[in-house]
Amino acid sequence: MSNPVDIVKSRPAETAMPIATVISALIAKLAGIEDTDTILYIALVISFVPAAVTWVVELVKKSESEGEV
């Protein structure tokens, strides 16, 4: 069985949804939002942040490796 820490390190985007859900619930609570659809949309946007970071890191790694050739 894989080590959970290794899974999170290798797949940050896939493991972000539970954290995004909690953060979105807190944001919604602080903003006074009670509409469940809006809370879901906040969670979806927040859950894409790690995916975007991973994508940018991969682009930088790829451009660096191509530059070293």
Protein backbone atom coordinates (compact mmCIF):
# COMPACT_ATOMS: atom_id res chain seq x y z
CA MET A 1 0.00 0.00 0.00
CA SER A 2 1.26 3.49 -0.88
CA ASN A 3 2.30 5.94 1.77
CA PRO A 4 -0.41 8.66 2.08
CA VAL A 5 2.23 11.40 2.18
CA ASP A 6 3.67 10.18 -1.13
CA ILE A 7 0.20 10.15 -2.68
CA VAL A 8 -0.45 13.74 -1.63
CA LYS A 9 2.97 14.83 -2.89
CA SER A 10 2.53 13.14 -6.25
CA ARG A 11 -1.16 13.98 -6.73
CA PRO A 12 -1.94 17.28 -4.95
CA ALA A 13 -4.83 18.17 -7.24
CA GLU A 14 -6.67 14.91 -6.63
CA THR A 15 -6.37 15.19 -2.86
CA ALA A 16 -7.50 18.81 -2.63
CA MET A 17 -11.28 18.41 -2.76
CA PRO A 18 -11.86 17.61 0.94
CA ILE A 19 -9.79 20.63 1.97
CA ALA A 20 -11.50 22.78 -0.67
CA THR A 21 -14.89 21.74 0.66
CA VAL A 22 -14.00 22.78 4.20
CA ILE A 23 -12.44 26.06 3.07
CA SER A 24 -15.43 26.87 0.87
CA ALA A 25 -17.81 26.14 3.75
CA LEU A 26 -15.83 28.50 5.98
CA ILE A 27 -15.75 31.22 3.31
CA ALA A 28 -19.48 30.84 2.73
CA LYS A 29 -20.18 30.97 6.47
CA LEU A 30 -18.09 34.12 6.90
CA ALA A 31 -19.75 35.74 3.87
CA GLY A 32 -23.24 34.77 5.03
CA ILE A 33 -23.85 32.59 1.97
CA GLU A 34 -26.40 29.82 2.53
CA ASP A 35 -27.11 28.78 -1.07
CA THR A 36 -25.73 25.25 -1.50
CA ASP A 37 -25.05 25.75 -5.22
CA THR A 38 -22.88 28.79 -4.49
CA ILE A 39 -20.98 26.86 -1.82
CA LEU A 40 -20.39 24.07 -4.35
CA TYR A 41 -19.09 26.54 -6.93
CA ILE A 42 -16.71 28.04 -4.37
CA ALA A 43 -15.44 24.52 -3.55
CA LEU A 44 -14.91 23.74 -7.23
CA VAL A 45 -12.91 26.90 -7.83
CA ILE A 46 -10.78 26.32 -4.75
CA SER A 47 -10.18 22.67 -5.67
CA PHE A 48 -8.68 23.74 -9.00
CA VAL A 49 -5.99 25.86 -7.33
CA PRO A 50 -3.67 22.88 -6.64
CA ALA A 51 -4.26 21.62 -10.18
CA ALA A 52 -3.28 25.02 -11.55
CA VAL A 53 -0.16 25.11 -9.39
CA THR A 54 0.78 21.60 -10.51
CA TRP A 55 0.25 22.60 -14.15
CA VAL A 56 2.47 25.69 -13.77
CA VAL A 57 5.21 23.68 -12.02
CA GLU A 58 5.13 21.08 -14.81
CA LEU A 59 5.39 23.84 -17.44
CA VAL A 60 8.38 25.37 -15.65
CA LYS A 61 10.09 21.98 -15.29
CA LYS A 62 9.48 21.21 -18.95
CA SER A 63 10.83 24.58 -20.12
CA GLU A 64 13.89 24.23 -17.86
CA SER A 65 14.63 20.74 -19.15
CA GLU A 66 14.27 21.88 -22.75
CA GLY A 67 16.58 24.82 -22.08
CA GLU A 68 19.34 22.56 -20.74
CA VAL A 69 19.60 20.54 -23.96
